[in-house]
Amino acid sequence: MSNPADEAAQTELSERIDAAIAEGIRRGQAEAARQRLRARRRLAAAAAACVILLACLLSIRVSPVFASMMRDIPGMDRFVDLIRDTQDKGVRLAVDNDFVQPVGASDEHDGIRFTVQGIIADDSRMVVFYETSSENESETVRLADIRPVDVSGKELPAMISYRYLQEEEQAANENGVYRGTVDISLAQEDQLPEEIILRTRMIRSDGPERPDAPPTRNVRDDEWSVPSDRDAGGPEYQVRFRIDRAKFQHLRREYQLGETIVAEGQRITFAKAVVTPLRVSLYVDYGEANPKQVFGAGDIRLVDDKGEVWATTSSSLVKDHPVIYFESPYFTEPKALYAEGSWFRALDKDRMTVTVDLGKRKVVSAPDGKLALNGVQVGQSRTRLDFFLTGVDPSDNMGYTLFESEFKDGTGKTRNMSDEGGVAVETRGDTREQHSYYYLDNADYPQPLTFKISLYPQYIRQPYKIRIK
């Protein structure tokens, strides 16, 4: 006879696993978007996908004086109550320094209106304040497949992060209206044009479900399904607006560094830094002769002469030549600014693959004992691989997307994984455990399969402090 307490515990465990997988799928959508970005830019096959750390951005605390000014800008007054407690101090400072440009441009189809109310921009980054409204007050909508293009229709290669702000409060007070931000960051060598068109589609759903509600399980084929950009049908929304480049035309400061450190035999060069109102870009080079593949700086941060820390916001992990982006202290004009940290992620170059036998459902070879194949789940059209990762350093907050999008079967033939995938992280005391999910189209793959590592939790340690200015 079953024990009710045991059944309750099992149900709780199942719900925790479901929630973890749901979060993993959502993160996988961001990874899929990064892979599409990489394809559009036609980077070298070895280039890693851009790591987006901006999802929690975009509620900005403003000074009382500027809050009053914001309320005088048509359309922007409704954002004041949402603009607080940003995790990006540079964006907050930009708001305080009159960097908001009003727009007020809209496009409408099928009872849905998409409006860009205003922007904050510098040479290569732009934060867009937008809102969507629906004639059907019970309907929720979210943006999908956002694409910035110039007036000729050429798509701008960019890292894009977007989310809704305070949906629950707005749903209670202003049905059918949602406000949020889109964060668009170009590569440092690219610049925003004087005029831009923001293209998007909408994913619509009826009822009380919020746009960021967790995915649902499809019991019929035992796969997970979640609305994705590919599900967005209907018309394309296009909002065209100008960017006042005069606001930031001469607000760029470049510092040549050329300083090299050696961490456990690996040469790491800090080449230069570029400071603009919305970000600091730190260019780093990893020596080609290094015996290890350096993936990135684990705890790097900017510290000014007053001891204030300016955190990382994102990184472009182009192999051996990454650019690390930070909050910008531009408007505080510090007397000194340092990049400092103590460890990097790195792995021996001759251990950059993981081999898996799906028939035996096990990892045949891996860089170390941290990685195991936790499960293989076959659905109607896809097979989900669940890799279990342990032994991640407690100070390492990375959610590891372990592999590149291509893999090889047992005959050496190159195959592609599905766009979906994700990472779910669970912390138990000082132990952090991760599940990394990957989807393969169902096929009779010759075994074993070989995956190339794009990121892995092995470390090299060396404290450093590099002066930027």
Protein backbone atom coordinates (compact mmCIF):
# COMPACT_ATOMS: atom_id res chain seq x y z
CA MET A 1 0.00 0.00 0.00
CA SER A 2 1.42 3.38 -0.98
CA ASN A 3 2.45 5.91 1.62
CA PRO A 4 0.72 9.32 1.16
CA ALA A 5 3.84 11.10 2.41
CA ASP A 6 5.99 9.28 -0.14
CA GLU A 7 3.51 10.11 -2.91
CA ALA A 8 3.52 13.78 -1.91
CA ALA A 9 7.31 13.85 -1.90
CA GLN A 10 7.42 12.18 -5.31
CA THR A 11 4.91 14.70 -6.67
CA GLU A 12 6.99 17.60 -5.30
CA LEU A 13 10.14 16.14 -6.86
CA SER A 14 8.38 15.72 -10.20
CA GLU A 15 7.15 19.32 -10.11
CA ARG A 16 10.68 20.56 -9.33
CA ILE A 17 12.08 18.61 -12.25
CA ASP A 18 9.34 19.92 -14.54
CA ALA A 19 10.03 23.49 -13.42
CA ALA A 20 13.76 23.03 -13.99
CA ILE A 21 13.20 21.67 -17.47
CA ALA A 22 10.78 24.50 -18.24
CA GLU A 23 13.43 27.03 -17.26
CA GLY A 24 15.93 25.13 -19.36
CA ILE A 25 13.70 25.33 -22.42
CA ARG A 26 13.28 29.08 -21.97
CA ARG A 27 17.03 29.53 -21.75
CA GLY A 28 17.36 27.30 -24.77
CA GLN A 29 15.32 29.75 -26.81
CA ALA A 30 17.91 32.42 -26.05
CA GLU A 31 20.66 30.00 -27.09
CA ALA A 32 18.81 29.25 -30.34
CA ALA A 33 18.61 32.96 -31.04
CA ARG A 34 22.34 33.25 -30.44
CA GLN A 35 22.97 30.45 -32.91
CA ARG A 36 20.87 32.24 -35.53
CA LEU A 37 22.90 35.39 -34.87
CA ARG A 38 26.11 33.46 -35.40
CA ALA A 39 24.81 32.10 -38.69
CA ARG A 40 23.80 35.53 -39.90
CA ARG A 41 27.22 36.95 -39.14
CA ARG A 42 28.90 33.98 -40.83
CA LEU A 43 31.49 33.71 -38.12
CA ALA A 44 34.10 30.97 -38.27
CA ALA A 45 32.83 27.55 -37.33
CA ALA A 46 34.81 27.67 -34.13
CA ALA A 47 33.20 30.88 -32.92
CA ALA A 48 31.05 30.39 -29.86
CA ALA A 49 27.55 31.79 -29.56
CA CYS A 50 27.24 35.17 -27.89
CA VAL A 51 26.42 34.87 -24.22
CA ILE A 52 23.49 37.07 -23.29
CA LEU A 53 23.49 38.23 -19.74
CA LEU A 54 21.02 41.08 -20.23
CA ALA A 55 17.70 39.35 -19.67
CA CYS A 56 17.23 40.82 -16.20
CA LEU A 57 17.98 44.36 -17.36
CA LEU A 58 15.59 47.19 -17.87
CA SER A 59 13.86 48.73 -15.00
CA ILE A 60 15.71 51.95 -14.31
CA ARG A 61 15.84 54.07 -11.17
CA VAL A 62 15.81 57.74 -12.12
CA SER A 63 16.37 60.87 -10.11
CA PRO A 64 13.24 62.82 -9.04
CA VAL A 65 14.16 65.74 -11.32
CA PHE A 66 14.57 63.59 -14.40
CA ALA A 67 11.50 61.53 -13.50
CA SER A 68 9.59 64.79 -13.75
CA MET A 69 11.20 65.44 -17.14
CA MET A 70 10.26 61.94 -18.31
CA ARG A 71 6.62 62.59 -17.46
CA ASP A 72 6.71 65.56 -19.84
CA ILE A 73 7.79 63.39 -22.80
CA PRO A 74 4.69 62.14 -24.66
CA GLY A 75 4.28 58.41 -24.17
CA MET A 76 7.21 58.06 -21.77
CA ASP A 77 5.29 59.13 -18.66
CA ARG A 78 3.78 55.65 -18.44
CA PHE A 79 7.27 54.14 -18.17
CA VAL A 80 8.38 56.15 -15.14
CA ASP A 81 6.88 53.76 -12.60
CA LEU A 82 8.55 50.86 -14.41
CA ILE A 83 11.97 52.49 -14.65
CA ARG A 84 13.67 51.58 -11.39
CA ASP A 85 16.21 49.26 -9.81
CA THR A 86 18.12 48.43 -12.95
CA GLN A 87 21.01 46.02 -12.70
CA ASP A 88 22.80 48.19 -15.26
CA LYS A 89 24.02 51.34 -13.56
CA GLY A 90 25.29 52.74 -16.85
CA VAL A 91 21.78 52.75 -18.31
CA ARG A 92 20.47 54.46 -15.18
CA LEU A 93 23.14 57.15 -15.49
CA ALA A 94 22.25 57.63 -19.16
CA VAL A 95 18.64 58.27 -18.18
CA ASP A 96 19.74 60.73 -15.51
CA ASN A 97 21.85 62.56 -18.10
CA ASP A 98 19.04 63.29 -20.55
CA PHE A 99 19.83 60.45 -22.95
CA VAL A 100 16.21 59.45 -23.67
CA GLN A 101 15.06 60.17 -27.20
CA PRO A 102 11.27 60.27 -27.66
CA VAL A 103 9.89 58.32 -30.64
CA GLY A 104 6.14 57.66 -30.44
CA ALA A 105 5.91 55.56 -33.64
CA SER A 106 3.46 52.67 -34.05
CA ASP A 107 2.26 49.91 -36.34
CA GLU A 108 -1.07 48.12 -35.99
CA HIS A 109 -2.57 44.92 -37.40
CA ASP A 110 -5.54 42.76 -36.43
CA GLY A 111 -6.34 44.79 -33.33
CA ILE A 112 -2.76 44.68 -31.99
CA ARG A 113 -0.71 47.86 -31.79
CA PHE A 114 3.08 47.88 -31.38
CA THR A 115 4.54 51.24 -30.30
CA VAL A 116 8.12 52.40 -29.78
CA GLN A 117 7.76 55.21 -27.25
CA GLY A 118 11.42 56.11 -26.85
CA ILE A 119 15.03 54.96 -26.95
CA ILE A 120 18.41 55.40 -25.28
CA ALA A 121 21.33 54.96 -27.66
CA ASP A 122 25.02 55.40 -28.24
CA ASP A 123 27.20 54.29 -31.17
CA SER A 124 26.51 50.57 -30.92
CA ARG A 125 23.89 49.92 -28.25
CA MET A 126 20.25 50.92 -28.04
CA VAL A 127 17.59 50.35 -25.38
CA VAL A 128 14.09 50.55 -26.86
CA PHE A 129 11.04 51.36 -24.68
CA TYR A 130 7.99 49.75 -26.28
CA GLU A 131 4.43 48.78 -25.52
CA THR A 132 1.88 46.46 -27.07
CA SER A 133 -1.86 46.88 -26.78
CA SER A 134 -4.74 44.66 -27.83
CA GLU A 135 -8.38 45.45 -28.46
CA ASN A 136 -9.12 42.13 -26.76
CA GLU A 137 -8.36 42.89 -23.10
CA SER A 138 -8.19 39.20 -22.17
CA GLU A 139 -5.54 38.53 -24.81
CA THR A 140 -1.83 38.47 -24.06
CA VAL A 141 0.82 39.10 -26.69
CA ARG A 142 4.59 38.96 -26.72
CA LEU A 143 7.19 40.00 -29.22
CA ALA A 144 8.88 37.36 -31.33
CA ASP A 145 11.68 37.34 -33.86
CA ILE A 146 12.75 40.96 -33.34
CA ARG A 147 14.96 42.16 -36.18
CA PRO A 148 16.50 45.64 -36.49
CA VAL A 149 17.16 46.64 -40.11
CA ASP A 150 18.37 49.76 -41.86
CA VAL A 151 16.24 51.69 -44.35
CA SER A 152 17.49 49.51 -47.22
CA GLY A 153 16.19 46.42 -45.42
CA LYS A 154 19.65 45.11 -44.46
CA GLU A 155 19.50 43.35 -41.12
CA LEU A 156 21.82 44.67 -38.42
CA PRO A 157 23.83 41.86 -36.79
CA ALA A 158 23.10 42.30 -33.11
CA MET A 159 22.72 40.65 -29.75
CA ILE A 160 19.11 41.17 -28.71
CA SER A 161 17.51 40.79 -25.29
CA TYR A 162 13.89 41.57 -24.52
CA ARG A 163 11.36 40.93 -21.81
CA TYR A 164 8.13 42.26 -20.32
CA LEU A 165 8.15 44.45 -17.23
CA GLN A 166 5.74 44.00 -14.33
CA GLU A 167 3.11 42.15 -16.34
CA GLU A 168 1.03 41.24 -13.32
CA GLU A 169 0.64 44.83 -12.10
CA GLN A 170 -0.19 46.07 -15.58
CA ALA A 171 -2.60 43.23 -16.25
CA ALA A 172 -4.48 44.21 -13.10
CA ASN A 173 -4.64 47.91 -13.94
CA GLU A 174 -4.52 48.21 -17.71
CA ASN A 175 -5.80 45.09 -19.43
CA GLY A 176 -4.41 44.34 -22.85
CA VAL A 177 -1.38 46.66 -22.48
CA TYR A 178 2.15 45.44 -21.85
CA ARG A 179 5.33 47.49 -21.66
CA GLY A 180 8.93 46.45 -21.82
CA THR A 181 12.28 47.03 -23.42
CA VAL A 182 14.41 45.64 -26.21
CA ASP A 183 18.18 45.82 -25.72
CA ILE A 184 20.08 45.85 -29.03
CA SER A 185 23.88 45.59 -28.98
CA LEU A 186 25.94 45.64 -32.15
CA ALA A 187 29.46 44.35 -32.48
CA GLN A 188 31.90 47.07 -31.48
CA GLU A 189 33.06 47.70 -35.06
CA ASP A 190 29.47 48.32 -36.18
CA GLN A 191 27.47 51.50 -35.60
CA LEU A 192 23.79 52.25 -35.43
CA PRO A 193 22.48 54.04 -38.54
CA GLU A 194 20.71 57.38 -38.43
CA GLU A 195 17.40 55.68 -39.20
CA ILE A 196 16.25 52.21 -38.24
CA ILE A 197 13.28 49.91 -38.76
CA LEU A 198 12.36 47.54 -35.94
CA ARG A 199 10.57 44.47 -37.30
CA THR A 200 8.75 41.94 -35.15
CA ARG A 201 5.86 39.52 -35.04
CA MET A 202 3.51 38.70 -32.21
CA ILE A 203 2.68 35.50 -30.38
CA ARG A 204 -0.89 35.79 -29.16
CA SER A 205 -2.77 33.78 -26.56
CA ASP A 206 -6.21 34.13 -24.97
CA GLY A 207 -7.01 33.90 -21.31
CA PRO A 208 -5.09 34.81 -18.19
CA GLU A 209 -1.81 33.16 -19.17
CA ARG A 210 1.07 35.63 -19.12
CA PRO A 211 3.42 35.87 -22.10
CA ASP A 212 6.26 34.44 -20.00
CA ALA A 213 4.25 31.49 -18.66
CA PRO A 214 6.18 28.21 -18.48
CA PRO A 215 5.99 25.70 -21.31
CA THR A 216 3.51 22.87 -21.18
CA ARG A 217 4.15 19.19 -21.53
CA ASN A 218 2.76 17.39 -24.55
CA VAL A 219 1.83 14.02 -23.08
CA ARG A 220 0.92 12.56 -26.46
CA ASP A 221 4.49 12.38 -27.68
CA ASP A 222 6.24 12.93 -24.34
CA GLU A 223 8.07 16.01 -25.62
CA TRP A 224 8.21 19.50 -24.30
CA SER A 225 6.65 22.28 -26.32
CA VAL A 226 7.04 26.00 -25.82
CA PRO A 227 6.02 28.93 -28.05
CA SER A 228 9.01 29.95 -30.10
CA ASP A 229 9.76 32.55 -32.73
CA ARG A 230 8.87 29.96 -35.34
CA ASP A 231 5.32 29.85 -33.91
CA ALA A 232 4.78 33.55 -34.56
CA GLY A 233 2.39 33.88 -37.44
CA GLY A 234 0.31 36.72 -38.76
CA PRO A 235 1.49 40.06 -40.06
CA GLU A 236 4.90 41.60 -39.56
CA TYR A 237 5.01 44.80 -37.54
CA GLN A 238 7.42 47.50 -38.69
CA VAL A 239 8.21 50.68 -36.78
CA ARG A 240 10.56 53.17 -38.42
CA PHE A 241 12.28 55.92 -36.46
CA ARG A 242 15.34 58.17 -36.48
CA ILE A 243 18.26 58.04 -34.04
CA ASP A 244 19.69 61.40 -32.98
CA ARG A 245 23.38 60.59 -33.35
CA ALA A 246 24.34 64.13 -32.35
CA LYS A 247 23.60 63.16 -28.74
CA PHE A 248 26.53 60.76 -28.64
CA GLN A 249 28.63 61.60 -31.71
CA HIS A 250 31.81 62.45 -29.78
CA LEU A 251 31.17 60.49 -26.58
CA ARG A 252 33.68 57.70 -27.11
CA ARG A 253 36.97 57.16 -25.33
CA GLU A 254 39.48 54.52 -26.37
CA TYR A 255 42.35 53.27 -24.22
CA GLN A 256 45.19 51.13 -25.61
CA LEU A 257 46.33 48.60 -23.01
CA GLY A 258 48.54 45.86 -24.48
CA GLU A 259 49.07 44.19 -21.11
CA THR A 260 49.60 40.41 -20.88
CA ILE A 261 49.25 38.13 -17.88
CA VAL A 262 50.18 34.43 -17.60
CA ALA A 263 47.67 32.15 -15.84
CA GLU A 264 48.96 28.60 -15.31
CA GLY A 265 50.99 28.82 -18.51
CA GLN A 266 48.24 30.48 -20.60
CA ARG A 267 48.95 33.92 -22.08
CA ILE A 268 46.03 36.34 -21.85
CA THR A 269 46.37 39.84 -23.32
CA PHE A 270 44.14 42.79 -22.49
CA ALA A 271 44.39 44.70 -25.76
CA LYS A 272 42.23 47.81 -25.41
CA ALA A 273 39.10 49.26 -23.83
CA VAL A 274 36.43 51.49 -25.33
CA VAL A 275 34.18 53.54 -23.03
CA THR A 276 30.85 54.93 -24.31
CA PRO A 277 27.77 56.13 -22.39
CA LEU A 278 26.02 52.73 -22.43
CA ARG A 279 28.89 50.24 -22.10
CA VAL A 280 32.56 49.58 -21.64
CA SER A 281 34.06 47.17 -24.19
CA LEU A 282 37.18 45.29 -23.13
CA TYR A 283 39.07 43.52 -25.93
CA VAL A 284 40.93 40.38 -24.84
CA ASP A 285 43.19 38.02 -26.81
CA TYR A 286 44.11 34.45 -25.89
CA GLY A 287 47.45 33.29 -27.27
CA GLU A 288 47.16 30.79 -30.12
CA ALA A 289 50.11 28.87 -28.69
CA ASN A 290 48.30 28.28 -25.40
CA PRO A 291 48.01 24.55 -24.63
CA LYS A 292 44.55 25.18 -23.23
CA GLN A 293 41.51 26.68 -24.89
CA VAL A 294 40.56 29.66 -22.75
CA PHE A 295 36.78 30.18 -22.77
CA GLY A 296 36.45 33.35 -20.76
CA ALA A 297 37.08 35.31 -17.58
CA GLY A 298 35.03 33.95 -14.70
CA ASP A 299 34.93 36.76 -12.15
CA ILE A 300 36.08 39.79 -14.12
CA ARG A 301 34.71 43.17 -13.10
CA LEU A 302 35.51 46.87 -13.43
CA VAL A 303 36.44 48.80 -10.31
CA ASP A 304 36.88 52.57 -10.19
CA ASP A 305 39.11 54.68 -7.93
CA LYS A 306 36.34 54.90 -5.32
CA GLY A 307 36.00 51.12 -5.13
CA GLU A 308 32.66 50.99 -6.95
CA VAL A 309 32.17 47.84 -9.01
CA TRP A 310 30.81 47.97 -12.57
CA ALA A 311 29.59 44.51 -13.50
CA THR A 312 29.72 42.59 -16.76
CA THR A 313 26.56 42.73 -18.89
CA SER A 314 27.42 40.44 -21.80
CA SER A 315 30.27 38.90 -23.76
CA SER A 316 30.93 38.14 -27.40
CA LEU A 317 32.84 34.87 -27.16
CA VAL A 318 34.52 34.84 -30.53
CA LYS A 319 37.19 32.18 -30.19
CA ASP A 320 40.47 33.59 -28.85
CA HIS A 321 39.35 37.23 -29.37
CA PRO A 322 36.42 37.93 -27.03
CA VAL A 323 34.99 41.34 -26.22
CA ILE A 324 33.64 41.66 -22.67
CA TYR A 325 31.00 44.32 -22.02
CA PHE A 326 30.43 46.13 -18.71
CA GLU A 327 28.18 48.71 -17.17
CA SER A 328 29.46 52.13 -18.11
CA PRO A 329 30.81 54.68 -15.60
CA TYR A 330 31.04 57.25 -18.42
CA PHE A 331 28.98 59.92 -16.69
CA THR A 332 30.69 59.50 -13.29
CA GLU A 333 34.08 60.31 -14.87
CA PRO A 334 36.22 58.21 -12.51
CA LYS A 335 39.87 59.20 -12.07
CA ALA A 336 40.97 55.56 -12.44
CA LEU A 337 39.35 52.38 -13.75
CA TYR A 338 40.63 48.82 -13.43
CA ALA A 339 39.67 45.39 -14.82
CA GLU A 340 40.31 42.78 -12.17
CA GLY A 341 39.58 39.16 -11.37
CA SER A 342 41.21 35.89 -10.38
CA TRP A 343 40.19 32.97 -12.64
CA PHE A 344 39.30 31.89 -16.17
CA ARG A 345 37.52 28.92 -17.70
CA ALA A 346 39.97 26.83 -19.75
CA LEU A 347 40.33 23.28 -21.05
CA ASP A 348 43.19 21.31 -22.64
CA LYS A 349 42.89 21.63 -26.42
CA ASP A 350 43.28 17.87 -26.87
CA ARG A 351 40.25 17.21 -24.63
CA MET A 352 37.66 19.33 -26.44
CA THR A 353 35.16 16.56 -27.31
CA VAL A 354 32.59 14.39 -25.57
CA THR A 355 31.68 10.98 -26.99
CA VAL A 356 28.30 9.41 -26.25
CA ASP A 357 26.78 6.00 -27.01
CA LEU A 358 23.02 6.45 -27.21
CA GLY A 359 22.41 2.71 -27.36
CA LYS A 360 24.21 2.17 -24.07
CA ARG A 361 22.96 5.54 -22.81
CA LYS A 362 26.29 6.61 -21.40
CA VAL A 363 29.19 8.99 -21.89
CA VAL A 364 32.08 7.08 -23.42
CA SER A 365 34.68 9.83 -23.02
CA ALA A 366 34.73 13.34 -21.54
CA PRO A 367 37.33 15.80 -20.24
CA ASP A 368 36.75 14.62 -16.66
CA GLY A 369 34.21 12.96 -14.38
CA LYS A 370 31.93 16.00 -14.07
CA LEU A 371 29.70 14.99 -16.99
CA ALA A 372 27.23 12.11 -17.29
CA LEU A 373 24.34 11.26 -19.61
CA ASN A 374 21.35 11.42 -17.30
CA GLY A 375 18.70 10.37 -19.79
CA VAL A 376 17.68 9.78 -23.40
CA GLN A 377 14.02 10.50 -24.12
CA VAL A 378 12.63 9.57 -27.54
CA GLY A 379 9.61 11.53 -28.74
CA GLN A 380 7.62 11.38 -31.96
CA SER A 381 10.03 13.53 -33.94
CA ARG A 382 12.98 14.32 -31.69
CA THR A 383 15.20 12.75 -29.08
CA ARG A 384 16.12 14.73 -25.99
CA LEU A 385 19.52 14.21 -24.40
CA ASP A 386 19.85 15.17 -20.74
CA PHE A 387 23.46 15.75 -19.69
CA PHE A 388 24.10 15.99 -15.94
CA LEU A 389 26.94 18.25 -14.82
CA THR A 390 28.37 18.27 -11.29
CA GLY A 391 31.50 19.64 -9.66
CA VAL A 392 30.95 23.22 -10.87
CA ASP A 393 32.87 25.64 -8.69
CA PRO A 394 30.55 27.38 -6.15
CA SER A 395 31.75 30.78 -7.40
CA ASP A 396 30.94 29.88 -11.02
CA ASN A 397 27.46 31.17 -11.87
CA MET A 398 27.52 30.12 -15.52
CA GLY A 399 24.71 28.00 -16.93
CA TYR A 400 26.72 25.77 -19.26
CA THR A 401 25.62 25.28 -22.84
CA LEU A 402 28.29 22.67 -23.36
CA PHE A 403 28.36 21.91 -27.07
CA GLU A 404 28.48 23.50 -30.47
CA SER A 405 25.42 23.01 -32.67
CA GLU A 406 27.07 20.41 -34.93
CA PHE A 407 28.07 16.87 -33.96
CA LYS A 408 29.46 13.81 -35.73
CA ASP A 409 27.96 10.34 -35.90
CA GLY A 410 29.93 7.10 -35.73
CA THR A 411 30.92 7.33 -39.41
CA GLY A 412 32.29 10.85 -39.01
CA LYS A 413 29.35 12.47 -40.81
CA THR A 414 28.53 15.96 -39.56
CA ARG A 415 24.98 16.42 -38.24
CA ASN A 416 23.05 19.34 -36.74
CA MET A 417 21.18 19.52 -33.48
CA SER A 418 17.76 21.12 -33.18
CA ASP A 419 17.60 24.82 -32.27
CA GLU A 420 15.87 24.07 -28.98
CA GLY A 421 17.79 23.22 -25.86
CA GLY A 422 18.47 24.66 -22.47
CA VAL A 423 20.10 24.63 -19.09
CA ALA A 424 18.50 24.03 -15.70
CA VAL A 425 20.55 24.76 -12.58
CA GLU A 426 19.81 23.52 -9.08
CA THR A 427 21.76 24.49 -5.96
CA ARG A 428 21.92 22.20 -2.94
CA GLY A 429 23.93 23.83 -0.20
CA ASP A 430 27.36 24.53 -1.68
CA THR A 431 26.73 22.10 -4.55
CA ARG A 432 25.46 23.31 -7.91
CA GLU A 433 24.07 20.70 -10.27
CA GLN A 434 23.12 21.38 -13.87
CA HIS A 435 21.09 19.62 -16.54
CA SER A 436 21.92 20.58 -20.13
CA TYR A 437 19.33 19.54 -22.74
CA TYR A 438 19.88 18.96 -26.43
CA TYR A 439 17.49 17.76 -29.12
CA LEU A 440 18.32 15.58 -32.11
CA ASP A 441 16.00 14.79 -34.97
CA ASN A 442 14.99 11.16 -34.74
CA ALA A 443 17.24 9.03 -36.96
CA ASP A 444 19.21 5.80 -36.86
CA TYR A 445 22.57 7.40 -36.01
CA PRO A 446 25.66 5.19 -36.26
CA GLN A 447 27.20 5.19 -32.79
CA PRO A 448 28.98 6.70 -30.97
CA LEU A 449 28.21 10.40 -31.36
CA THR A 450 30.91 13.03 -30.85
CA PHE A 451 30.12 16.54 -29.62
CA LYS A 452 32.59 19.43 -29.70
CA ILE A 453 32.80 21.42 -26.48
CA SER A 454 32.10 25.15 -26.64
CA LEU A 455 32.21 25.81 -22.88
CA TYR A 456 33.24 23.69 -19.90
CA PRO A 457 33.79 24.12 -16.13
CA GLN A 458 37.52 23.64 -15.78
CA TYR A 459 39.56 26.52 -14.42
CA ILE A 460 42.89 28.29 -14.34
CA ARG A 461 43.64 30.79 -11.59
CA GLN A 462 45.73 33.92 -11.45
CA PRO A 463 44.77 37.19 -9.73
CA TYR A 464 45.14 40.25 -11.98
CA LYS A 465 44.45 43.98 -11.97
CA ILE A 466 44.73 45.86 -15.26
CA ARG A 467 44.54 49.65 -15.27
CA ILE A 468 42.33 51.03 -18.05
CA LYS A 469 42.63 54.76 -17.25
